[in-house]
C-alpha atoms as a PDB file:
ATOM      1  CA  MET A   1      92.074 125.054  90.379  1.00  0.00           C
ATOM      2  CA  GLN A   2      91.867 121.423  91.129  1.00  0.00           C
ATOM      3  CA  THR A   3      89.013 119.167  92.652  1.00  0.00           C
ATOM      4  CA  ILE A   4      89.566 118.671  96.961  1.00  0.00           C
ATOM      5  CA  PHE A   5      90.538 114.783  96.428  1.00  0.00           C
ATOM      6  CA  GLU A   6      93.829 115.968  94.325  1.00  0.00           C
ATOM      7  CA  TYR A   7      95.182 117.399  97.789  1.00  0.00           C
ATOM      8  CA  ILE A   8      97.150 116.476 100.359  1.00  0.00           C
ATOM      9  CA  ASP A   9      97.699 119.391 102.381  1.00  0.00           C
ATOM     10  CA  TYR A  10      94.442 121.416 103.463  1.00  0.00           C
ATOM     11  CA  ARG A  11      96.182 124.365 103.679  1.00  0.00           C
ATOM     12  CA  LYS A  12      97.130 124.555 100.284  1.00  0.00           C
ATOM     13  CA  TYR A  13      93.550 123.459  99.191  1.00  0.00           C
ATOM     14  CA  LEU A  14      92.757 126.661 101.233  1.00  0.00           C
ATOM     15  CA  SER A  15      95.174 129.006  99.752  1.00  0.00           C
ATOM     16  CA  GLU A  16      94.263 128.221  96.308  1.00  0.00           C
ATOM     17  CA  PHE A  17      90.540 128.599  96.816  1.00  0.00           C
ATOM     18  CA  TYR A  18      91.289 131.749  98.001  1.00  0.00           C
ATOM     19  CA  GLN A  19      93.025 132.944  95.283  1.00  0.00           C
ATOM     20  CA  GLU A  20      90.622 132.127  92.476  1.00  0.00           C
ATOM     21  CA  LYS A  21      88.051 133.803  94.751  1.00  0.00           C
ATOM     22  CA  LYS A  22      89.951 137.136  94.713  1.00  0.00           C
ATOM     23  CA  ASP A  23      90.192 136.680  91.352  1.00  0.00           C
ATOM     24  CA  THR A  24      86.899 135.788  90.050  1.00  0.00           C
ATOM     25  CA  THR A  25      84.889 137.638  92.943  1.00  0.00           C
ATOM     26  CA  GLN A  26      85.628 141.211  93.271  1.00  0.00           C
ATOM     27  CA  TYR A  27      83.794 141.425  96.955  1.00  0.00           C
ATOM     28  CA  PHE A  28      85.634 138.443  98.336  1.00  0.00           C
ATOM     29  CA  SER A  29      88.379 138.890 101.284  1.00  0.00           C
ATOM     30  CA  TYR A  30      89.843 137.817 104.016  1.00  0.00           C
ATOM     31  CA  ARG A  31      87.669 139.876 106.215  1.00  0.00           C
ATOM     32  CA  TYR A  32      84.513 138.036 104.056  1.00  0.00           C
ATOM     33  CA  PHE A  33      85.446 134.797 104.529  1.00  0.00           C
ATOM     34  CA  ALA A  34      85.879 135.682 108.572  1.00  0.00           C
ATOM     35  CA  GLN A  35      82.360 136.905 108.907  1.00  0.00           C
ATOM     36  CA  LYS A  36      80.868 134.133 106.918  1.00  0.00           C
ATOM     37  CA  ILE A  37      82.623 131.533 109.575  1.00  0.00           C
ATOM     38  CA  GLY A  38      81.341 133.911 112.107  1.00  0.00           C
ATOM     39  CA  VAL A  39      85.012 135.086 113.987  1.00  0.00           C
ATOM     40  CA  ASN A  40      85.900 138.505 114.206  1.00  0.00           C
ATOM     41  CA  SER A  41      89.386 138.134 113.505  1.00  0.00           C
ATOM     42  CA  PRO A  42      89.756 138.957 109.766  1.00  0.00           C
ATOM     43  CA  SER A  43      92.825 137.372 109.359  1.00  0.00           C
ATOM     44  CA  PHE A  44      91.581 133.922 110.516  1.00  0.00           C
ATOM     45  CA  LEU A  45      91.893 132.552 107.400  1.00  0.00           C
ATOM     46  CA  LYS A  46      95.287 133.723 106.269  1.00  0.00           C
ATOM     47  CA  ASN A  47      96.428 132.575 109.441  1.00  0.00           C
ATOM     48  CA  VAL A  48      95.238 128.849 108.805  1.00  0.00           C
ATOM     49  CA  ILE A  49      96.960 128.942 105.211  1.00  0.00           C
ATOM     50  CA  GLU A  50     100.612 130.284 106.827  1.00  0.00           C
ATOM     51  CA  GLY A  51     100.092 127.246 109.450  1.00  0.00           C
ATOM     52  CA  LYS A  52      99.701 129.845 112.740  1.00  0.00           C
ATOM     53  CA  ARG A  53      96.446 128.369 113.259  1.00  0.00           C
ATOM     54  CA  ASN A  54      95.051 124.955 113.298  1.00  0.00           C
ATOM     55  CA  LEU A  55      91.121 123.989 112.824  1.00  0.00           C
ATOM     56  CA  THR A  56      89.255 122.276 115.304  1.00  0.00           C
ATOM     57  CA  SER A  57      86.990 119.965 114.124  1.00  0.00           C
ATOM     58  CA  ASN A  58      83.745 122.482 114.597  1.00  0.00           C
ATOM     59  CA  MET A  59      85.534 124.945 112.909  1.00  0.00           C
ATOM     60  CA  ALA A  60      86.562 122.519 110.152  1.00  0.00           C
ATOM     61  CA  GLU A  61      82.652 121.913 109.364  1.00  0.00           C
ATOM     62  CA  ARG A  62      82.021 125.756 109.550  1.00  0.00           C
ATOM     63  CA  PHE A  63      84.911 125.834 106.726  1.00  0.00           C
ATOM     64  CA  ALA A  64      83.436 122.848 104.607  1.00  0.00           C
ATOM     65  CA  LYS A  65      80.486 125.365 104.398  1.00  0.00           C
ATOM     66  CA  VAL A  66      81.462 128.375 103.298  1.00  0.00           C
ATOM     67  CA  LEU A  67      83.525 126.284 100.456  1.00  0.00           C
ATOM     68  CA  GLU A  68      80.205 125.142  99.765  1.00  0.00           C
ATOM     69  CA  LEU A  69      81.855 121.501  99.282  1.00  0.00           C
ATOM     70  CA  LYS A  70      79.440 118.513  98.496  1.00  0.00           C
ATOM     71  CA  ALA A  71      78.878 115.676 101.002  1.00  0.00           C
ATOM     72  CA  LYS A  72      81.649 113.572  99.661  1.00  0.00           C
ATOM     73  CA  GLU A  73      83.788 116.469  99.341  1.00  0.00           C
ATOM     74  CA  LYS A  74      83.458 117.656 103.106  1.00  0.00           C
ATOM     75  CA  LEU A  75      84.166 114.196 104.417  1.00  0.00           C
ATOM     76  CA  TYR A  76      87.779 114.387 102.063  1.00  0.00           C
ATOM     77  CA  PHE A  77      88.199 117.864 103.986  1.00  0.00           C
ATOM     78  CA  LEU A  78      87.316 116.869 107.372  1.00  0.00           C
ATOM     79  CA  ASN A  79      89.814 113.756 107.069  1.00  0.00           C
ATOM     80  CA  LEU A  80      92.486 115.773 105.328  1.00  0.00           C
ATOM     81  CA  VAL A  81      92.621 118.859 108.100  1.00  0.00           C
ATOM     82  CA  ALA A  82      92.445 115.910 110.683  1.00  0.00           C
ATOM     83  CA  PHE A  83      95.604 114.132 108.745  1.00  0.00           C
ATOM     84  CA  ASN A  84      96.983 117.324 108.295  1.00  0.00           C
ATOM     85  CA  GLN A  85      97.007 118.221 112.340  1.00  0.00           C
ATOM     86  CA  ALA A  86      96.689 114.638 113.836  1.00  0.00           C
ATOM     87  CA  LYS A  87      99.747 114.011 116.389  1.00  0.00           C
ATOM     88  CA  SER A  88     100.165 110.500 116.546  1.00  0.00           C
ATOM     89  CA  MET A  89     100.906 108.323 113.438  1.00  0.00           C
ATOM     90  CA  SER A  90      98.159 105.773 113.931  1.00  0.00           C
ATOM     91  CA  GLU A  91      95.651 108.754 113.758  1.00  0.00           C
ATOM     92  CA  LYS A  92      97.881 110.291 110.410  1.00  0.00           C
ATOM     93  CA  GLN A  93      97.354 106.280 108.810  1.00  0.00           C
ATOM     94  CA  GLN A  94      93.750 106.091 110.077  1.00  0.00           C
ATOM     95  CA  CYS A  95      92.756 109.203 108.256  1.00  0.00           C
ATOM     96  CA  TYR A  96      95.124 108.651 104.881  1.00  0.00           C
ATOM     97  CA  THR A  97      93.583 105.526 104.630  1.00  0.00           C
ATOM     98  CA  VAL A  98      89.767 107.116 104.113  1.00  0.00           C
ATOM     99  CA  LEU A  99      91.787 109.849 102.085  1.00  0.00           C
ATOM    100  CA  ARG A 100      92.968 106.485 100.031  1.00  0.00           C
ATOM    101  CA  SER A 101      89.926 105.521  99.439  1.00  0.00           C
ATOM    102  CA  MET A 102      88.164 108.898  97.980  1.00  0.00           C
ATOM    103  CA  SER A 103      90.860 110.632  96.179  1.00  0.00           C
ATOM    104  CA  GLU A 104      91.461 110.454  92.258  1.00  0.00           C
ATOM    105  CA  ARG A 105      94.983 107.954  92.955  1.00  0.00           C
ATOM    106  CA  VAL A 106      97.406 107.477  89.959  1.00  0.00           C
ATOM    107  CA  LYS A 107      96.670 104.571  87.884  1.00  0.00           C
ATOM    108  CA  GLU A 108      98.702 102.330  88.791  1.00  0.00           C
ATOM    109  CA  SER A 109      99.566  98.990  86.428  1.00  0.00           C
ATOM    110  CA  VAL A 110     100.999  96.138  88.075  1.00  0.00           C
ATOM    111  CA  ILE A 111     103.265  94.140  86.048  1.00  0.00           C
ATOM    112  CA  ASN A 112     104.007  90.263  85.680  1.00  0.00           C
ATOM    113  CA  GLY A 113     105.410  87.748  83.814  1.00  0.00           C
ATOM    114  CA  ASP A 114     108.061  89.408  80.899  1.00  0.00           C
ATOM    115  CA  GLN A 115     107.623  92.607  82.029  1.00  0.00           C
ATOM    116  CA  TYR A 116     109.759  92.267  84.649  1.00  0.00           C
ATOM    117  CA  ASP A 117     112.685  92.321  82.287  1.00  0.00           C
ATOM    118  CA  CYS A 118     112.183  96.420  82.659  1.00  0.00           C
ATOM    119  CA  PHE A 119     114.072  95.342  86.196  1.00  0.00           C
ATOM    120  CA  SER A 120     116.501  93.623  84.652  1.00  0.00           C
ATOM    121  CA  ASN A 121     119.057  96.908  84.036  1.00  0.00           C
ATOM    122  CA  TRP A 122     118.737  99.962  86.717  1.00  0.00           C
ATOM    123  CA  TYR A 123     118.767 102.446  83.019  1.00  0.00           C
ATOM    124  CA  VAL A 124     115.194 100.407  81.520  1.00  0.00           C
ATOM    125  CA  PRO A 125     113.206 102.196  84.032  1.00  0.00           C
ATOM    126  CA  ALA A 126     114.687 105.498  83.894  1.00  0.00           C
ATOM    127  CA  ILE A 127     114.756 105.531  80.186  1.00  0.00           C
ATOM    128  CA  ARG A 128     110.794 104.700  80.131  1.00  0.00           C
ATOM    129  CA  GLU A 129     110.620 108.111  82.444  1.00  0.00           C
ATOM    130  CA  LEU A 130     113.067 110.248  80.115  1.00  0.00           C
ATOM    131  CA  ILE A 131     112.231 109.227  77.020  1.00  0.00           C
ATOM    132  CA  CYS A 132     108.629 110.378  77.579  1.00  0.00           C
ATOM    133  CA  ILE A 133     109.038 113.436  78.715  1.00  0.00           C
ATOM    134  CA  ARG A 134     111.005 114.542  76.154  1.00  0.00           C
ATOM    135  CA  ASP A 135     111.779 114.336  72.290  1.00  0.00           C
ATOM    136  CA  PHE A 136     115.021 112.909  71.550  1.00  0.00           C
ATOM    137  CA  LYS A 137     113.933 112.142  68.058  1.00  0.00           C
ATOM    138  CA  ASP A 138     115.398 108.721  68.587  1.00  0.00           C
ATOM    139  CA  ASP A 139     118.776 109.765  68.880  1.00  0.00           C
ATOM    140  CA  PHE A 140     119.671 106.983  71.387  1.00  0.00           C
ATOM    141  CA  SER A 141     123.175 108.727  72.027  1.00  0.00           C
ATOM    142  CA  ALA A 142     121.311 111.623  73.259  1.00  0.00           C
ATOM    143  CA  LEU A 143     119.506 109.519  75.612  1.00  0.00           C
ATOM    144  CA  ALA A 144     122.521 107.779  76.801  1.00  0.00           C
ATOM    145  CA  THR A 145     124.222 110.322  77.590  1.00  0.00           C
ATOM    146  CA  SER A 146     121.349 112.026  79.594  1.00  0.00           C
ATOM    147  CA  LEU A 147     121.539 109.376  82.397  1.00  0.00           C
ATOM    148  CA  VAL A 148     123.651 109.962  85.375  1.00  0.00           C
ATOM    149  CA  PRO A 149     125.783 107.656  85.141  1.00  0.00           C
ATOM    150  CA  PRO A 150     125.448 107.539  80.852  1.00  0.00           C
ATOM    151  CA  ILE A 151     125.120 104.360  79.552  1.00  0.00           C
ATOM    152  CA  ASP A 152     126.207 102.696  76.207  1.00  0.00           C
ATOM    153  CA  VAL A 153     124.313 104.033  73.036  1.00  0.00           C
ATOM    154  CA  SER A 154     123.451 100.229  72.234  1.00  0.00           C
ATOM    155  CA  ARG A 155     121.603  99.669  75.667  1.00  0.00           C
ATOM    156  CA  ALA A 156     120.079 102.895  75.499  1.00  0.00           C
ATOM    157  CA  LYS A 157     118.213 101.206  72.369  1.00  0.00           C
ATOM    158  CA  ALA A 158     117.891  98.034  73.393  1.00  0.00           C
ATOM    159  CA  SER A 159     115.757  99.193  76.245  1.00  0.00           C
ATOM    160  CA  VAL A 160     113.376 101.707  74.257  1.00  0.00           C
ATOM    161  CA  GLU A 161     112.850  98.249  72.231  1.00  0.00           C
ATOM    162  CA  MET A 162     112.468  96.086  75.184  1.00  0.00           C
ATOM    163  CA  LEU A 163     109.894  98.432  76.611  1.00  0.00           C
ATOM    164  CA  LEU A 164     108.051  98.936  73.417  1.00  0.00           C
ATOM    165  CA  ARG A 165     108.034  95.272  72.873  1.00  0.00           C
ATOM    166  CA  LEU A 166     106.479  94.875  76.881  1.00  0.00           C
ATOM    167  CA  LYS A 167     104.060  97.362  75.855  1.00  0.00           C
ATOM    168  CA  LEU A 168     105.409  99.484  78.862  1.00  0.00           C
ATOM    169  CA  ILE A 169     105.740 102.333  76.207  1.00  0.00           C
ATOM    170  CA  GLU A 170     104.106 103.278  73.140  1.00  0.00           C
ATOM    171  CA  LYS A 171     105.227 105.309  69.874  1.00  0.00           C
ATOM    172  CA  THR A 172     102.691 107.749  68.830  1.00  0.00           C
ATOM    173  CA  LYS A 173     101.650 108.895  65.154  1.00  0.00           C
ATOM    174  CA  ASN A 174     103.863 111.517  65.234  1.00  0.00           C
ATOM    175  CA  GLY A 175     107.180 109.969  66.515  1.00  0.00           C
ATOM    176  CA  LEU A 176     106.751 110.724  70.608  1.00  0.00           C
ATOM    177  CA  TYR A 177     107.004 107.947  73.072  1.00  0.00           C
ATOM    178  CA  ARG A 178     104.060 107.884  75.639  1.00  0.00           C
ATOM    179  CA  GLN A 179     103.866 105.702  78.664  1.00  0.00           C
ATOM    180  CA  THR A 180     100.901 102.925  78.787  1.00  0.00           C
ATOM    181  CA  SER A 181     100.294 103.672  81.999  1.00  0.00           C
ATOM    182  CA  THR A 182     100.995 106.432  84.229  1.00  0.00           C
ATOM    183  CA  ALA A 183     103.162 104.195  87.067  1.00  0.00           C
ATOM    184  CA  ILE A 184     104.316 100.435  87.507  1.00  0.00           C
ATOM    185  CA  ALA A 185     104.634  98.194  90.020  1.00  0.00           C
ATOM    186  CA  ALA A 186     105.714  94.944  90.908  1.00  0.00           C
ATOM    187  CA  ASP A 187     103.293  92.269  92.618  1.00  0.00           C
ATOM    188  CA  ASP A 188     103.913  92.178  96.498  1.00  0.00           C
ATOM    189  CA  THR A 189     103.137  88.144  96.042  1.00  0.00           C
ATOM    190  CA  ILE A 190     105.910  88.031  93.902  1.00  0.00           C
ATOM    191  CA  THR A 191     109.504  87.350  94.397  1.00  0.00           C
ATOM    192  CA  SER A 192     111.740  88.563  91.701  1.00  0.00           C
ATOM    193  CA  MET A 193     115.307  88.264  91.267  1.00  0.00           C
ATOM    194  CA  ALA A 194     115.096  91.189  88.755  1.00  0.00           C
ATOM    195  CA  VAL A 195     113.748  93.293  91.534  1.00  0.00           C
ATOM    196  CA  ARG A 196     115.818  92.737  93.794  1.00  0.00           C
ATOM    197  CA  ASN A 197     119.276  93.384  91.784  1.00  0.00           C
ATOM    198  CA  PHE A 198     117.463  96.402  90.525  1.00  0.00           C
ATOM    199  CA  THR A 199     116.771  97.689  94.445  1.00  0.00           C
ATOM    200  CA  ARG A 200     120.571  96.661  95.549  1.00  0.00           C
ATOM    201  CA  THR A 201     121.663  98.546  91.832  1.00  0.00           C
ATOM    202  CA  MET A 202     119.557 101.574  93.083  1.00  0.00           C
ATOM    203  CA  ILE A 203     121.137 101.388  96.512  1.00  0.00           C
ATOM    204  CA  ASP A 204     124.754 101.360  95.446  1.00  0.00           C
ATOM    205  CA  LEU A 205     123.763 104.721  92.848  1.00  0.00           C
ATOM    206  CA  SER A 206     122.601 106.530  96.129  1.00  0.00           C
ATOM    207  CA  LYS A 207     125.982 105.682  97.914  1.00  0.00           C
ATOM    208  CA  THR A 208     127.828 106.719  95.262  1.00  0.00           C
ATOM    209  CA  SER A 209     125.709 110.542  94.626  1.00  0.00           C
ATOM    210  CA  LEU A 210     127.023 111.294  98.205  1.00  0.00           C
ATOM    211  CA  ASP A 211     130.302 112.207  96.739  1.00  0.00           C
ATOM    212  CA  SER A 212     128.887 112.587  92.620  1.00  0.00           C
ATOM    213  CA  VAL A 213     125.835 114.803  93.331  1.00  0.00           C
ATOM    214  CA  ASP A 214     125.681 118.513  94.710  1.00  0.00           C
ATOM    215  CA  ARG A 215     123.605 118.377  97.925  1.00  0.00           C
ATOM    216  CA  ASN A 216     121.318 120.765  96.540  1.00  0.00           C
ATOM    217  CA  ASN A 217     120.497 118.314  94.073  1.00  0.00           C
ATOM    218  CA  ARG A 218     119.944 115.466  96.485  1.00  0.00           C
ATOM    219  CA  HIS A 219     119.003 114.763  99.765  1.00  0.00           C
ATOM    220  CA  ILE A 220     120.020 111.839 101.821  1.00  0.00           C
ATOM    221  CA  SER A 221     119.230 111.190 105.477  1.00  0.00           C
ATOM    222  CA  GLY A 222     118.398 108.598 107.923  1.00  0.00           C
ATOM    223  CA  ILE A 223     117.476 107.976 111.429  1.00  0.00           C
ATOM    224  CA  THR A 224     118.663 105.638 114.200  1.00  0.00           C
ATOM    225  CA  MET A 225     116.144 104.539 116.545  1.00  0.00           C
ATOM    226  CA  GLY A 226     114.932 101.656 119.395  1.00  0.00           C
ATOM    227  CA  VAL A 227     111.357 100.662 118.021  1.00  0.00           C
ATOM    228  CA  SER A 228     108.841  97.815 118.935  1.00  0.00           C
ATOM    229  CA  ARG A 229     107.298  95.527 116.591  1.00  0.00           C
ATOM    230  CA  GLU A 230     103.765  97.347 116.799  1.00  0.00           C
ATOM    231  CA  THR A 231     105.726 100.471 115.747  1.00  0.00           C
ATOM    232  CA  TYR A 232     107.901  98.857 113.137  1.00  0.00           C
ATOM    233  CA  GLU A 233     104.420  97.978 111.765  1.00  0.00           C
ATOM    234  CA  ILE A 234     102.505 101.164 112.067  1.00  0.00           C
ATOM    235  CA  ILE A 235     106.108 102.950 110.478  1.00  0.00           C
ATOM    236  CA  THR A 236     105.545 100.235 107.442  1.00  0.00           C
ATOM    237  CA  LYS A 237     102.094 101.205 106.870  1.00  0.00           C
ATOM    238  CA  GLU A 238     103.278 104.936 106.804  1.00  0.00           C
ATOM    239  CA  ILE A 239     105.855 104.640 104.536  1.00  0.00           C
ATOM    240  CA  GLU A 240     103.621 103.029 101.776  1.00  0.00           C
ATOM    241  CA  ALA A 241     101.185 105.725 102.824  1.00  0.00           C
ATOM    242  CA  PHE A 242     103.964 108.380 101.932  1.00  0.00           C
ATOM    243  CA  LYS A 243     104.460 106.559  98.241  1.00  0.00           C
ATOM    244  CA  ASP A 244     101.414 106.915  97.566  1.00  0.00           C
ATOM    245  CA  ARG A 245     101.404 110.636  98.315  1.00  0.00           C
ATOM    246  CA  LEU A 246     104.457 110.835  96.201  1.00  0.00           C
ATOM    247  CA  LYS A 247     102.809 109.146  93.450  1.00  0.00           C
ATOM    248  CA  VAL A 248      99.472 112.081  93.584  1.00  0.00           C
ATOM    249  CA  ILE A 249     102.315 114.739  93.497  1.00  0.00           C
ATOM    250  CA  VAL A 250     104.652 113.574  90.817  1.00  0.00           C
ATOM    251  CA  ASN A 251     101.224 112.801  89.116  1.00  0.00           C
ATOM    252  CA  ASN A 252     100.562 116.500  89.152  1.00  0.00           C
ATOM    253  CA  ASP A 253     103.695 117.855  88.174  1.00  0.00           C
ATOM    254  CA  THR A 254     103.390 119.017  84.492  1.00  0.00           C
ATOM    255  CA  THR A 255     107.153 120.621  84.291  1.00  0.00           C
ATOM    256  CA  THR A 256     109.110 117.143  85.065  1.00  0.00           C
ATOM    257  CA  ASP A 257     112.797 118.263  83.520  1.00  0.00           C
ATOM    258  CA  ARG A 258     114.600 115.701  85.496  1.00  0.00           C
ATOM    259  CA  ILE A 259     114.439 111.752  86.841  1.00  0.00           C
ATOM    260  CA  TYR A 260     114.892 111.288  90.463  1.00  0.00           C
ATOM    261  CA  GLN A 261     115.323 107.752  92.228  1.00  0.00           C
ATOM    262  CA  ILE A 262     114.113 107.786  96.122  1.00  0.00           C
ATOM    263  CA  ASN A 263     115.139 105.024  98.226  1.00  0.00           C
ATOM    264  CA  ILE A 264     113.491 104.202 101.203  1.00  0.00           C
ATOM    265  CA  ALA A 265     115.238 101.799 104.016  1.00  0.00           C
ATOM    266  CA  LEU A 266     114.229 100.345 107.011  1.00  0.00           C
ATOM    267  CA  PHE A 267     116.148  97.781 108.750  1.00  0.00           C
ATOM    268  CA  PRO A 268     117.353  95.852 112.118  1.00  0.00           C
ATOM    269  CA  ILE A 269     120.379  96.746 112.645  1.00  0.00           C
ATOM    270  CA  SER A 270     120.411  94.733 116.557  1.00  0.00           C
ATOM    271  CA  LYS A 271     118.799  91.587 117.702  1.00  0.00           C
ATOM    272  CA  ILE A 272     115.738  91.844 119.509  1.00  0.00           C
ATOM    273  CA  ILE A 273     116.448  92.448 122.923  1.00  0.00           C
ATOM    274  CA  GLY A 274     116.562  88.949 125.128  1.00  0.00           C
ATOM    275  CA  GLU A 275     117.263  87.001 121.956  1.00  0.00           C
ATOM    276  CA  GLU A 276     121.180  87.913 121.798  1.00  0.00           C
ATOM    277  CA  THR A 277     123.327  84.987 121.407  1.00  0.00           C
ATOM    278  CA  ILE A 278     126.816  84.796 122.472  1.00  0.00           C
ATOM    279  CA  SER A 279     129.322  82.721 120.216  1.00  0.00           C
ATOM    280  CA  LYS A 280     132.670  82.191 119.619  1.00  0.00           C
ATOM    281  CA  GLY A 281     131.885  83.827 116.051  1.00  0.00           C
ATOM    282  CA  ASP A 282     129.899  86.966 118.197  1.00  0.00           C
ATOM    283  CA  THR A 283     133.733  87.687 120.387  1.00  0.00           C
ATOM    284  CA  HIS A 284     136.681  86.714 117.936  1.00  0.00           C
ATOM    285  CA  GLN A 285     138.073  89.624 116.618  1.00  0.00           C
ATOM    286  CA  GLY A 286     139.617  88.030 113.346  1.00  0.00           C
END
């Protein structure tokens, strides 16, 4: 079982805790756990795990005691419960800030300088992921045709050579490739044309996938909504928190068999109410 700091869902943590205890302790049961936390319902833990019941702050404290959590683990658990049950975005963000500071996060390497070349074409980051989860035995033709859409063999080979030169991957003694960092991220303080072009291309690929990829293998949706500037700031922070949670989930995935791209777009499709201007360009129908 993982440490509690690797969980982003307290119900999943409780489920795996229960299963582990059930497998290793003969007398452990839902009824036993209920007795330890001082409730009469033998199915209390089961109902919490299945999402049929929430935990009050007092009950979360009792759970932490029975779970035998140390001080830091207890604090994480209490914030995890509050995070999962939060009713407002601001409350959720506040709890996640604590979780983020305490959790065993994915080690991220911030790229700079020449390393921005890895965003020069959409397929380079994809190849960085793909070549490290499957042994292509330097068969660049197989590597090229594994991408969707496929690319030229020469481009696949050039991409691997670039990633090696930029030290974003390395070749091991047994001929396999591995990433030098679990994840890479662009420096927010740097505006890179390569990153912008990469993002544009990925957005175009997402549009193409609407028709070319079976809906069971893609998820594309959106919300049109009216928001204030304050809510906009909350949403952007929530998106960043969501991306952080995704990194943790992906980092814990030991059975990767495909490369995915996720695009999150939040942008205005109207002017600010009260600041509209009417001009010939606005009213003329060409």
